[in-house]
Structures are given as C-alpha cells and as structure tokens.
Amino acid sequence: MKQLLIRLAMVVAVLALGAGGAYAQDDAAALYKSKCLVCHGADGKGSPAGLKLGVKDFHSPDVAKMSDAELFEATKKGKGKMPAYDGKLTDDQIKGLIKYIRSLK
C-alpha cells in the first residue's frame, strides 16, 4: 500500500509539472497579447501602428541573431521607442515572452 501511494504521488507530481509548462506557455501568450501585440502584431512581423514606429520584425536577421540576454535587456530596460518593462513584468515573465517570441513562425 505504501508503495502504491508513493507511485501515485510521483504520477501526480509529473502531471503537475507538465501542466505547469502548458500554463507558462498560455501565460506568455496572454502577456504577449496584452503587452506586445499592439505594436509587434500577432505574428511578430509588426502591426500597422508598430511599423510606423519602426518596430523590428521578430523574424528579421537582426532580431534572430540577438541572444536571449539581449532581448531580455531590451524588454526590461526599453530600447528606442519601446518602453521599459522593468517593474511591470517579472524576470520570469520576460523570459517567457522571449521563449514565446522565438516560437512565432
């Protein structure tokens, strides 16, 4: 009986970790929609308003060659006309956004 309870606890833990990953992706998508979409567009290529401001296409070679650390810094401190999100987003939220941005195709 004790071994069955231990196995059950392990299964629950694995399922919880898997659900957490899905939740983090959903959370990053929701953050992108609320904070980034208006300028960067749904596909990361730039919205009409964002293109007028000069946003970079996330698929461009300039952005693709940027490291995650560089994207993190630009998001946290702002760059050009992009506002800083320091104090508005946590470091983990910014990292999730970068992962989400890299997934846009």
PDB file of N, CA and C in Angstrom:
ATOM      1  N   MET A   1       0.818  -1.198   0.000  1.00  0.00           N
ATOM      2  CA  MET A   1       0.000   0.000   0.000  1.00  0.00           C
ATOM      3  C   MET A   1       0.867   1.270   0.000  1.00  0.00           C
ATOM      4  N   LYS A   2       1.920   1.247   0.807  1.00  0.00           N
ATOM      5  CA  LYS A   2       2.801   2.403   0.877  1.00  0.00           C
ATOM      6  C   LYS A   2       3.451   2.675  -0.480  1.00  0.00           C
ATOM      7  N   GLN A   3       3.878   1.624  -1.175  1.00  0.00           N
ATOM      8  CA  GLN A   3       4.493   1.789  -2.498  1.00  0.00           C
ATOM      9  C   GLN A   3       3.487   2.333  -3.500  1.00  0.00           C
ATOM     10  N   LEU A   4       2.242   1.917  -3.394  1.00  0.00           N
ATOM     11  CA  LEU A   4       1.201   2.427  -4.284  1.00  0.00           C
ATOM     12  C   LEU A   4       0.999   3.923  -4.073  1.00  0.00           C
ATOM     13  N   LEU A   5       0.994   4.363  -2.829  1.00  0.00           N
ATOM     14  CA  LEU A   5       0.848   5.786  -2.524  1.00  0.00           C
ATOM     15  C   LEU A   5       2.039   6.592  -3.043  1.00  0.00           C
ATOM     16  N   ILE A   6       3.231   6.038  -2.936  1.00  0.00           N
ATOM     17  CA  ILE A   6       4.422   6.715  -3.428  1.00  0.00           C
ATOM     18  C   ILE A   6       4.354   6.846  -4.948  1.00  0.00           C
ATOM     19  N   ARG A   7       3.954   5.759  -5.623  1.00  0.00           N
ATOM     20  CA  ARG A   7       3.829   5.809  -7.081  1.00  0.00           C
ATOM     21  C   ARG A   7       2.766   6.814  -7.509  1.00  0.00           C
ATOM     22  N   LEU A   8       1.661   6.819  -6.792  1.00  0.00           N
ATOM     23  CA  LEU A   8       0.587   7.767  -7.104  1.00  0.00           C
ATOM     24  C   LEU A   8       1.070   9.205  -6.923  1.00  0.00           C
ATOM     25  N   ALA A   9       1.811   9.462  -5.868  1.00  0.00           N
ATOM     26  CA  ALA A   9       2.354  10.800  -5.627  1.00  0.00           C
ATOM     27  C   ALA A   9       3.316  11.198  -6.743  1.00  0.00           C
ATOM     28  N   MET A  10       4.109  10.250  -7.221  1.00  0.00           N
ATOM     29  CA  MET A  10       5.050  10.540  -8.310  1.00  0.00           C
ATOM     30  C   MET A  10       4.302  10.867  -9.603  1.00  0.00           C
ATOM     31  N   VAL A  11       3.242  10.138  -9.888  1.00  0.00           N
ATOM     32  CA  VAL A  11       2.448  10.401 -11.085  1.00  0.00           C
ATOM     33  C   VAL A  11       1.804  11.780 -11.004  1.00  0.00           C
ATOM     34  N   VAL A  12       1.260  12.112  -9.859  1.00  0.00           N
ATOM     35  CA  VAL A  12       0.639  13.431  -9.663  1.00  0.00           C
ATOM     36  C   VAL A  12       1.682  14.535  -9.846  1.00  0.00           C
ATOM     37  N   ALA A  13       2.875  14.329  -9.323  1.00  0.00           N
ATOM     38  CA  ALA A  13       3.940  15.331  -9.454  1.00  0.00           C
ATOM     39  C   ALA A  13       4.326  15.524 -10.915  1.00  0.00           C
ATOM     40  N   VAL A  14       4.457  14.451 -11.664  1.00  0.00           N
ATOM     41  CA  VAL A  14       4.816  14.543 -13.081  1.00  0.00           C
ATOM     42  C   VAL A  14       3.713  15.266 -13.850  1.00  0.00           C
ATOM     43  N   LEU A  15       2.471  14.921 -13.585  1.00  0.00           N
ATOM     44  CA  LEU A  15       1.364  15.594 -14.261  1.00  0.00           C
ATOM     45  C   LEU A  15       1.312  17.075 -13.914  1.00  0.00           C
ATOM     46  N   ALA A  16       1.588  17.409 -12.687  1.00  0.00           N
ATOM     47  CA  ALA A  16       1.580  18.818 -12.277  1.00  0.00           C
ATOM     48  C   ALA A  16       2.679  19.597 -12.987  1.00  0.00           C
ATOM     49  N   LEU A  17       3.845  18.994 -13.134  1.00  0.00           N
ATOM     50  CA  LEU A  17       4.936  19.665 -13.846  1.00  0.00           C
ATOM     51  C   LEU A  17       4.583  19.873 -15.303  1.00  0.00           C
ATOM     52  N   GLY A  18       3.987  18.907 -15.931  1.00  0.00           N
ATOM     53  CA  GLY A  18       3.574  19.042 -17.327  1.00  0.00           C
ATOM     54  C   GLY A  18       2.524  20.115 -17.494  1.00  0.00           C
ATOM     55  N   ALA A  19       1.568  20.167 -16.601  1.00  0.00           N
ATOM     56  CA  ALA A  19       0.527  21.192 -16.669  1.00  0.00           C
ATOM     57  C   ALA A  19       1.128  22.569 -16.433  1.00  0.00           C
ATOM     58  N   GLY A  20       2.137  22.661 -15.586  1.00  0.00           N
ATOM     59  CA  GLY A  20       2.789  23.942 -15.325  1.00  0.00           C
ATOM     60  C   GLY A  20       3.451  24.501 -16.564  1.00  0.00           C
ATOM     61  N   GLY A  21       4.051  23.633 -17.371  1.00  0.00           N
ATOM     62  CA  GLY A  21       4.677  24.066 -18.617  1.00  0.00           C
ATOM     63  C   GLY A  21       3.649  24.614 -19.593  1.00  0.00           C
ATOM     64  N   ALA A  22       2.507  23.937 -19.675  1.00  0.00           N
ATOM     65  CA  ALA A  22       1.442  24.414 -20.561  1.00  0.00           C
ATOM     66  C   ALA A  22       0.895  25.741 -20.052  1.00  0.00           C
ATOM     67  N   TYR A  23       0.767  25.856 -18.743  1.00  0.00           N
ATOM     68  CA  TYR A  23       0.268  27.101 -18.168  1.00  0.00           C
ATOM     69  C   TYR A  23       1.238  28.246 -18.438  1.00  0.00           C
ATOM     70  N   ALA A  24       2.527  27.976 -18.319  1.00  0.00           N
ATOM     71  CA  ALA A  24       3.523  29.024 -18.561  1.00  0.00           C
ATOM     72  C   ALA A  24       3.439  29.513 -20.003  1.00  0.00           C
ATOM     73  N   GLN A  25       3.237  28.591 -20.953  1.00  0.00           N
ATOM     74  CA  GLN A  25       3.122  28.978 -22.359  1.00  0.00           C
ATOM     75  C   GLN A  25       1.858  29.800 -22.569  1.00  0.00           C
ATOM     76  N   ASP A  26       0.749  29.380 -21.950  1.00  0.00           N
ATOM     77  CA  ASP A  26      -0.501  30.140 -22.055  1.00  0.00           C
ATOM     78  C   ASP A  26      -0.340  31.520 -21.441  1.00  0.00           C
ATOM     79  N   ASP A  27       0.356  31.580 -20.319  1.00  0.00           N
ATOM     80  CA  ASP A  27       0.598  32.848 -19.636  1.00  0.00           C
ATOM     81  C   ASP A  27       1.429  33.779 -20.516  1.00  0.00           C
ATOM     82  N   ALA A  28       2.461  33.246 -21.167  1.00  0.00           N
ATOM     83  CA  ALA A  28       3.301  34.058 -22.049  1.00  0.00           C
ATOM     84  C   ALA A  28       2.486  34.545 -23.245  1.00  0.00           C
ATOM     85  N   ALA A  29       1.622  33.696 -23.785  1.00  0.00           N
ATOM     86  CA  ALA A  29       0.781  34.107 -24.915  1.00  0.00           C
ATOM     87  C   ALA A  29      -0.166  35.227 -24.486  1.00  0.00           C
ATOM     88  N   ALA A  30      -0.734  35.106 -23.301  1.00  0.00           N
ATOM     89  CA  ALA A  30      -1.635  36.149 -22.789  1.00  0.00           C
ATOM     90  C   ALA A  30      -0.876  37.450 -22.550  1.00  0.00           C
ATOM     91  N   LEU A  31       0.330  37.359 -22.014  1.00  0.00           N
ATOM     92  CA  LEU A  31       1.157  38.554 -21.809  1.00  0.00           C
ATOM     93  C   LEU A  31       1.502  39.205 -23.140  1.00  0.00           C
ATOM     94  N   TYR A  32       1.863  38.392 -24.122  1.00  0.00           N
ATOM     95  CA  TYR A  32       2.191  38.922 -25.441  1.00  0.00           C
ATOM     96  C   TYR A  32       0.990  39.694 -25.991  1.00  0.00           C
ATOM     97  N   LYS A  33      -0.187  39.092 -25.872  1.00  0.00           N
ATOM     98  CA  LYS A  33      -1.395  39.749 -26.389  1.00  0.00           C
ATOM     99  C   LYS A  33      -1.667  41.065 -25.674  1.00  0.00           C
ATOM    100  N   SER A  34      -1.401  41.117 -24.380  1.00  0.00           N
ATOM    101  CA  SER A  34      -1.719  42.336 -23.625  1.00  0.00           C
ATOM    102  C   SER A  34      -0.622  43.400 -23.687  1.00  0.00           C
ATOM    103  N   LYS A  35       0.621  42.998 -23.876  1.00  0.00           N
ATOM    104  CA  LYS A  35       1.728  43.956 -23.810  1.00  0.00           C
ATOM    105  C   LYS A  35       2.420  44.217 -25.153  1.00  0.00           C
ATOM    106  N   CYS A  36       2.419  43.243 -26.051  1.00  0.00           N
ATOM    107  CA  CYS A  36       3.260  43.327 -27.251  1.00  0.00           C
ATOM    108  C   CYS A  36       2.476  43.399 -28.560  1.00  0.00           C
ATOM    109  N   LEU A  37       1.323  42.775 -28.594  1.00  0.00           N
ATOM    110  CA  LEU A  37       0.556  42.611 -29.827  1.00  0.00           C
ATOM    111  C   LEU A  37       0.263  43.921 -30.540  1.00  0.00           C
ATOM    112  N   VAL A  38      -0.068  44.947 -29.786  1.00  0.00           N
ATOM    113  CA  VAL A  38      -0.476  46.203 -30.408  1.00  0.00           C
ATOM    114  C   VAL A  38       0.607  46.777 -31.324  1.00  0.00           C
ATOM    115  N   CYS A  39       1.863  46.580 -30.991  1.00  0.00           N
ATOM    116  CA  CYS A  39       2.962  47.087 -31.832  1.00  0.00           C
ATOM    117  C   CYS A  39       3.591  45.991 -32.695  1.00  0.00           C
ATOM    118  N   HIS A  40       3.775  44.800 -32.119  1.00  0.00           N
ATOM    119  CA  HIS A  40       4.512  43.754 -32.813  1.00  0.00           C
ATOM    120  C   HIS A  40       3.624  42.841 -33.654  1.00  0.00           C
ATOM    121  N   GLY A  41       2.304  42.936 -33.497  1.00  0.00           N
ATOM    122  CA  GLY A  41       1.390  42.129 -34.288  1.00  0.00           C
ATOM    123  C   GLY A  41       1.325  40.689 -33.832  1.00  0.00           C
ATOM    124  N   ALA A  42       0.294  39.983 -34.293  1.00  0.00           N
ATOM    125  CA  ALA A  42       0.057  38.604 -33.871  1.00  0.00           C
ATOM    126  C   ALA A  42       1.176  37.666 -34.299  1.00  0.00           C
ATOM    127  N   ASP A  43       1.802  37.946 -35.431  1.00  0.00           N
ATOM    128  CA  ASP A  43       2.837  37.062 -35.957  1.00  0.00           C
ATOM    129  C   ASP A  43       4.260  37.558 -35.690  1.00  0.00           C
ATOM    130  N   GLY A  44       4.386  38.689 -35.011  1.00  0.00           N
ATOM    131  CA  GLY A  44       5.715  39.217 -34.706  1.00  0.00           C
ATOM    132  C   GLY A  44       6.341  40.016 -35.830  1.00  0.00           C
ATOM    133  N   LYS A  45       5.590  40.253 -36.897  1.00  0.00           N
ATOM    134  CA  LYS A  45       6.131  40.994 -38.040  1.00  0.00           C
ATOM    135  C   LYS A  45       5.846  42.483 -37.950  1.00  0.00           C
ATOM    136  N   GLY A  46       5.083  42.874 -36.942  1.00  0.00           N
ATOM    137  CA  GLY A  46       4.769  44.292 -36.757  1.00  0.00           C
ATOM    138  C   GLY A  46       3.354  44.604 -37.176  1.00  0.00           C
ATOM    139  N   SER A  47       2.652  45.318 -36.328  1.00  0.00           N
ATOM    140  CA  SER A  47       1.305  45.778 -36.658  1.00  0.00           C
ATOM    141  C   SER A  47       1.445  47.044 -37.492  1.00  0.00           C
ATOM    142  N   PRO A  48       0.375  47.496 -38.149  1.00  0.00           N
ATOM    143  CA  PRO A  48       0.470  48.757 -38.891  1.00  0.00           C
ATOM    144  C   PRO A  48       0.964  49.911 -38.007  1.00  0.00           C
ATOM    145  N   ALA A  49       0.440  49.988 -36.794  1.00  0.00           N
ATOM    146  CA  ALA A  49       0.887  51.051 -35.883  1.00  0.00           C
ATOM    147  C   ALA A  49       2.345  50.858 -35.491  1.00  0.00           C
ATOM    148  N   GLY A  50       2.726  49.620 -35.209  1.00  0.00           N
ATOM    149  CA  GLY A  50       4.107  49.328 -34.829  1.00  0.00           C
ATOM    150  C   GLY A  50       5.090  49.607 -35.946  1.00  0.00           C
ATOM    151  N   LEU A  51       4.702  49.281 -37.162  1.00  0.00           N
ATOM    152  CA  LEU A  51       5.591  49.533 -38.304  1.00  0.00           C
ATOM    153  C   LEU A  51       5.833  51.026 -38.482  1.00  0.00           C
ATOM    154  N   LYS A  52       4.826  51.842 -38.199  1.00  0.00           N
ATOM    155  CA  LYS A  52       5.013  53.290 -38.263  1.00  0.00           C
ATOM    156  C   LYS A  52       6.006  53.772 -37.214  1.00  0.00           C
ATOM    157  N   LEU A  53       6.065  53.053 -36.092  1.00  0.00           N
ATOM    158  CA  LEU A  53       7.017  53.401 -35.032  1.00  0.00           C
ATOM    159  C   LEU A  53       8.406  52.820 -35.291  1.00  0.00           C
ATOM    160  N   GLY A  54       8.492  51.925 -36.275  1.00  0.00           N
ATOM    161  CA  GLY A  54       9.781  51.337 -36.606  1.00  0.00           C
ATOM    162  C   GLY A  54      10.118  50.061 -35.857  1.00  0.00           C
ATOM    163  N   VAL A  55       9.088  49.306 -35.400  1.00  0.00           N
ATOM    164  CA  VAL A  55       9.389  48.057 -34.695  1.00  0.00           C
ATOM    165  C   VAL A  55      10.106  47.089 -35.618  1.00  0.00           C
ATOM    166  N   LYS A  56      10.906  46.250 -35.021  1.00  0.00           N
ATOM    167  CA  LYS A  56      11.635  45.235 -35.778  1.00  0.00           C
ATOM    168  C   LYS A  56      10.756  43.997 -35.924  1.00  0.00           C
ATOM    169  N   ASP A  57      10.812  43.399 -37.084  1.00  0.00           N
ATOM    170  CA  ASP A  57      10.177  42.114 -37.347  1.00  0.00           C
ATOM    171  C   ASP A  57      10.954  41.061 -36.558  1.00  0.00           C
ATOM    172  N   PHE A  58      10.266  40.289 -35.720  1.00  0.00           N
ATOM    173  CA  PHE A  58      10.941  39.265 -34.924  1.00  0.00           C
ATOM    174  C   PHE A  58      11.600  38.198 -35.796  1.00  0.00           C
ATOM    175  N   HIS A  59      11.186  38.093 -37.066  1.00  0.00           N
ATOM    176  CA  HIS A  59      11.733  37.097 -37.968  1.00  0.00           C
ATOM    177  C   HIS A  59      12.942  37.624 -38.749  1.00  0.00           C
ATOM    178  N   SER A  60      13.233  38.900 -38.600  1.00  0.00           N
ATOM    179  CA  SER A  60      14.342  39.500 -39.353  1.00  0.00           C
ATOM    180  C   SER A  60      15.679  38.965 -38.842  1.00  0.00           C
ATOM    181  N   PRO A  61      16.683  38.964 -39.700  1.00  0.00           N
ATOM    182  CA  PRO A  61      18.014  38.516 -39.266  1.00  0.00           C
ATOM    183  C   PRO A  61      18.551  39.317 -38.068  1.00  0.00           C
ATOM    184  N   ASP A  62      18.236  40.616 -38.023  1.00  0.00           N
ATOM    185  CA  ASP A  62      18.708  41.449 -36.910  1.00  0.00           C
ATOM    186  C   ASP A  62      18.208  40.931 -35.564  1.00  0.00           C
ATOM    187  N   VAL A  63      16.947  40.579 -35.508  1.00  0.00           N
ATOM    188  CA  VAL A  63      16.370  40.096 -34.252  1.00  0.00           C
ATOM    189  C   VAL A  63      16.746  38.631 -34.024  1.00  0.00           C
ATOM    190  N   ALA A  64      16.722  37.829 -35.071  1.00  0.00           N
ATOM    191  CA  ALA A  64      17.035  36.405 -34.938  1.00  0.00           C
ATOM    192  C   ALA A  64      18.433  36.180 -34.377  1.00  0.00           C
ATOM    193  N   LYS A  65      19.374  37.056 -34.716  1.00  0.00           N
ATOM    194  CA  LYS A  65      20.747  36.868 -34.228  1.00  0.00           C
ATOM    195  C   LYS A  65      20.951  37.405 -32.810  1.00  0.00           C
ATOM    196  N   MET A  66      19.946  38.131 -32.285  1.00  0.00           N
ATOM    197  CA  MET A  66      20.070  38.638 -30.912  1.00  0.00           C
ATOM    198  C   MET A  66      19.986  37.477 -29.927  1.00  0.00           C
ATOM    199  N   SER A  67      20.804  37.533 -28.904  1.00  0.00           N
ATOM    200  CA  SER A  67      20.751  36.499 -27.871  1.00  0.00           C
ATOM    201  C   SER A  67      19.534  36.737 -26.982  1.00  0.00           C
ATOM    202  N   ASP A  68      19.161  35.722 -26.239  1.00  0.00           N
ATOM    203  CA  ASP A  68      18.073  35.886 -25.288  1.00  0.00           C
ATOM    204  C   ASP A  68      18.405  36.978 -24.271  1.00  0.00           C
ATOM    205  N   ALA A  69      19.674  37.068 -23.900  1.00  0.00           N
ATOM    206  CA  ALA A  69      20.094  38.094 -22.937  1.00  0.00           C
ATOM    207  C   ALA A  69      19.893  39.497 -23.512  1.00  0.00           C
ATOM    208  N   GLU A  70      20.176  39.663 -24.796  1.00  0.00           N
ATOM    209  CA  GLU A  70      19.978  40.968 -25.434  1.00  0.00           C
ATOM    210  C   GLU A  70      18.485  41.316 -25.526  1.00  0.00           C
ATOM    211  N   LEU A  71      17.671  40.333 -25.874  1.00  0.00           N
ATOM    212  CA  LEU A  71      16.221  40.572 -25.920  1.00  0.00           C
ATOM    213  C   LEU A  71      15.673  40.868 -24.530  1.00  0.00           C
ATOM    214  N   PHE A  72      16.205  40.162 -23.543  1.00  0.00           N
ATOM    215  CA  PHE A  72      15.798  40.394 -22.158  1.00  0.00           C
ATOM    216  C   PHE A  72      16.105  41.837 -21.755  1.00  0.00           C
ATOM    217  N   GLU A  73      17.309  42.273 -22.063  1.00  0.00           N
ATOM    218  CA  GLU A  73      17.743  43.628 -21.716  1.00  0.00           C
ATOM    219  C   GLU A  73      16.879  44.683 -22.415  1.00  0.00           C
ATOM    220  N   ALA A  74      16.591  44.462 -23.697  1.00  0.00           N
ATOM    221  CA  ALA A  74      15.770  45.414 -24.455  1.00  0.00           C
ATOM    222  C   ALA A  74      14.355  45.482 -23.891  1.00  0.00           C
ATOM    223  N   THR A  75      13.831  44.337 -23.467  1.00  0.00           N
ATOM    224  CA  THR A  75      12.484  44.306 -22.904  1.00  0.00           C
ATOM    225  C   THR A  75      12.463  44.938 -21.525  1.00  0.00           C
ATOM    226  N   LYS A  76      13.434  44.619 -20.727  1.00  0.00           N
ATOM    227  CA  LYS A  76      13.461  45.123 -19.352  1.00  0.00           C
ATOM    228  C   LYS A  76      13.733  46.633 -19.299  1.00  0.00           C
ATOM    229  N   LYS A  77      14.711  47.088 -20.056  1.00  0.00           N
ATOM    230  CA  LYS A  77      15.121  48.497 -19.977  1.00  0.00           C
ATOM    231  C   LYS A  77      14.541  49.378 -21.074  1.00  0.00           C
ATOM    232  N   GLY A  78      13.928  48.745 -22.095  1.00  0.00           N
ATOM    233  CA  GLY A  78      13.407  49.509 -23.215  1.00  0.00           C
ATOM    234  C   GLY A  78      14.514  49.766 -24.220  1.00  0.00           C
ATOM    235  N   LYS A  79      14.093  50.067 -25.444  1.00  0.00           N
ATOM    236  CA  LYS A  79      15.078  50.335 -26.491  1.00  0.00           C
ATOM    237  C   LYS A  79      14.387  51.152 -27.569  1.00  0.00           C
ATOM    238  N   GLY A  80      14.970  52.266 -27.919  1.00  0.00           N
ATOM    239  CA  GLY A  80      14.341  53.136 -28.906  1.00  0.00           C
ATOM    240  C   GLY A  80      12.978  53.599 -28.401  1.00  0.00           C
ATOM    241  N   LYS A  81      11.954  53.348 -29.199  1.00  0.00           N
ATOM    242  CA  LYS A  81      10.607  53.747 -28.807  1.00  0.00           C
ATOM    243  C   LYS A  81       9.892  52.697 -27.964  1.00  0.00           C
ATOM    244  N   MET A  82      10.536  51.549 -27.766  1.00  0.00           N
ATOM    245  CA  MET A  82       9.930  50.505 -26.947  1.00  0.00           C
ATOM    246  C   MET A  82      10.072  50.874 -25.475  1.00  0.00           C
ATOM    247  N   PRO A  83       8.953  50.838 -24.747  1.00  0.00           N
ATOM    248  CA  PRO A  83       9.023  51.190 -23.326  1.00  0.00           C
ATOM    249  C   PRO A  83       9.723  50.105 -22.502  1.00  0.00           C
ATOM    250  N   ALA A  84      10.240  50.495 -21.368  1.00  0.00           N
ATOM    251  CA  ALA A  84      10.849  49.556 -20.426  1.00  0.00           C
ATOM    252  C   ALA A  84       9.756  48.835 -19.653  1.00  0.00           C
ATOM    253  N   TYR A  85       9.966  47.553 -19.406  1.00  0.00           N
ATOM    254  CA  TYR A  85       9.008  46.764 -18.631  1.00  0.00           C
ATOM    255  C   TYR A  85       9.553  46.373 -17.271  1.00  0.00           C
ATOM    256  N   ASP A  86      10.655  46.986 -16.865  1.00  0.00           N
ATOM    257  CA  ASP A  86      11.203  46.767 -15.530  1.00  0.00           C
ATOM    258  C   ASP A  86      10.188  47.263 -14.505  1.00  0.00           C
ATOM    259  N   GLY A  87       9.833  46.420 -13.569  1.00  0.00           N
ATOM    260  CA  GLY A  87       8.846  46.785 -12.559  1.00  0.00           C
ATOM    261  C   GLY A  87       7.415  46.514 -13.001  1.00  0.00           C
ATOM    262  N   LYS A  88       7.219  46.264 -14.300  1.00  0.00           N
ATOM    263  CA  LYS A  88       5.884  45.944 -14.818  1.00  0.00           C
ATOM    264  C   LYS A  88       5.744  44.447 -15.072  1.00  0.00           C
ATOM    265  N   LEU A  89       6.858  43.821 -15.430  1.00  0.00           N
ATOM    266  CA  LEU A  89       6.911  42.380 -15.651  1.00  0.00           C
ATOM    267  C   LEU A  89       8.054  41.805 -14.823  1.00  0.00           C
ATOM    268  N   THR A  90       7.871  40.591 -14.333  1.00  0.00           N
ATOM    269  CA  THR A  90       8.953  39.930 -13.601  1.00  0.00           C
ATOM    270  C   THR A  90       9.979  39.400 -14.602  1.00  0.00           C
ATOM    271  N   ASP A  91      11.149  39.061 -14.098  1.00  0.00           N
ATOM    272  CA  ASP A  91      12.179  38.485 -14.961  1.00  0.00           C
ATOM    273  C   ASP A  91      11.673  37.204 -15.619  1.00  0.00           C
ATOM    274  N   ASP A  92      10.946  36.369 -14.854  1.00  0.00           N
ATOM    275  CA  ASP A  92      10.420  35.127 -15.409  1.00  0.00           C
ATOM    276  C   ASP A  92       9.380  35.390 -16.495  1.00  0.00           C
ATOM    277  N   GLN A  93       8.575  36.423 -16.332  1.00  0.00           N
ATOM    278  CA  GLN A  93       7.608  36.767 -17.365  1.00  0.00           C
ATOM    279  C   GLN A  93       8.315  37.213 -18.644  1.00  0.00           C
ATOM    280  N   ILE A  94       9.373  37.998 -18.504  1.00  0.00           N
ATOM    281  CA  ILE A  94      10.137  38.443 -19.674  1.00  0.00           C
ATOM    282  C   ILE A  94      10.778  37.243 -20.367  1.00  0.00           C
ATOM    283  N   LYS A  95      11.344  36.332 -19.595  1.00  0.00           N
ATOM    284  CA  LYS A  95      11.942  35.127 -20.179  1.00  0.00           C
ATOM    285  C   LYS A  95      10.883  34.299 -20.909  1.00  0.00           C
ATOM    286  N   GLY A  96       9.692  34.212 -20.342  1.00  0.00           N
ATOM    287  CA  GLY A  96       8.601  33.501 -21.001  1.00  0.00           C
ATOM    288  C   GLY A  96       8.201  34.172 -22.303  1.00  0.00           C
ATOM    289  N   LEU A  97       8.173  35.503 -22.302  1.00  0.00           N
ATOM    290  CA  LEU A  97       7.863  36.240 -23.522  1.00  0.00           C
ATOM    291  C   LEU A  97       8.909  35.997 -24.602  1.00  0.00           C
ATOM    292  N   ILE A  98      10.166  35.964 -24.220  1.00  0.00           N
ATOM    293  CA  ILE A  98      11.228  35.713 -25.196  1.00  0.00           C
ATOM    294  C   ILE A  98      11.071  34.320 -25.798  1.00  0.00           C
ATOM    295  N   LYS A  99      10.775  33.355 -24.976  1.00  0.00           N
ATOM    296  CA  LYS A  99      10.545  31.993 -25.478  1.00  0.00           C
ATOM    297  C   LYS A  99       9.345  31.987 -26.422  1.00  0.00           C
ATOM    298  N   TYR A 100       8.304  32.713 -26.066  1.00  0.00           N
ATOM    299  CA  TYR A 100       7.120  32.797 -26.912  1.00  0.00           C
ATOM    300  C   TYR A 100       7.450  33.476 -28.242  1.00  0.00           C
ATOM    301  N   ILE A 101       8.187  34.569 -28.176  1.00  0.00           N
ATOM    302  CA  ILE A 101       8.563  35.297 -29.387  1.00  0.00           C
ATOM    303  C   ILE A 101       9.372  34.402 -30.322  1.00  0.00           C
ATOM    304  N   ARG A 102      10.277  33.627 -29.758  1.00  0.00           N
ATOM    305  CA  ARG A 102      11.092  32.716 -30.569  1.00  0.00           C
ATOM    306  C   ARG A 102      10.229  31.630 -31.228  1.00  0.00           C
ATOM    307  N   SER A 103       9.060  31.330 -30.642  1.00  0.00           N
ATOM    308  CA  SER A 103       8.198  30.296 -31.197  1.00  0.00           C
ATOM    309  C   SER A 103       7.303  30.800 -32.331  1.00  0.00           C
ATOM    310  N   LEU A 104       7.207  32.117 -32.502  1.00  0.00           N
ATOM    311  CA  LEU A 104       6.351  32.662 -33.551  1.00  0.00           C
ATOM    312  C   LEU A 104       6.934  32.335 -34.922  1.00  0.00           C
ATOM    313  N   LYS A 105       6.116  31.842 -35.788  1.00  0.00           N
ATOM    314  CA  LYS A 105       6.567  31.498 -37.144  1.00  0.00           C
ATOM    315  C   LYS A 105       5.641  32.114 -38.154  1.00  0.00           C
TER     316      LYS A 105
END
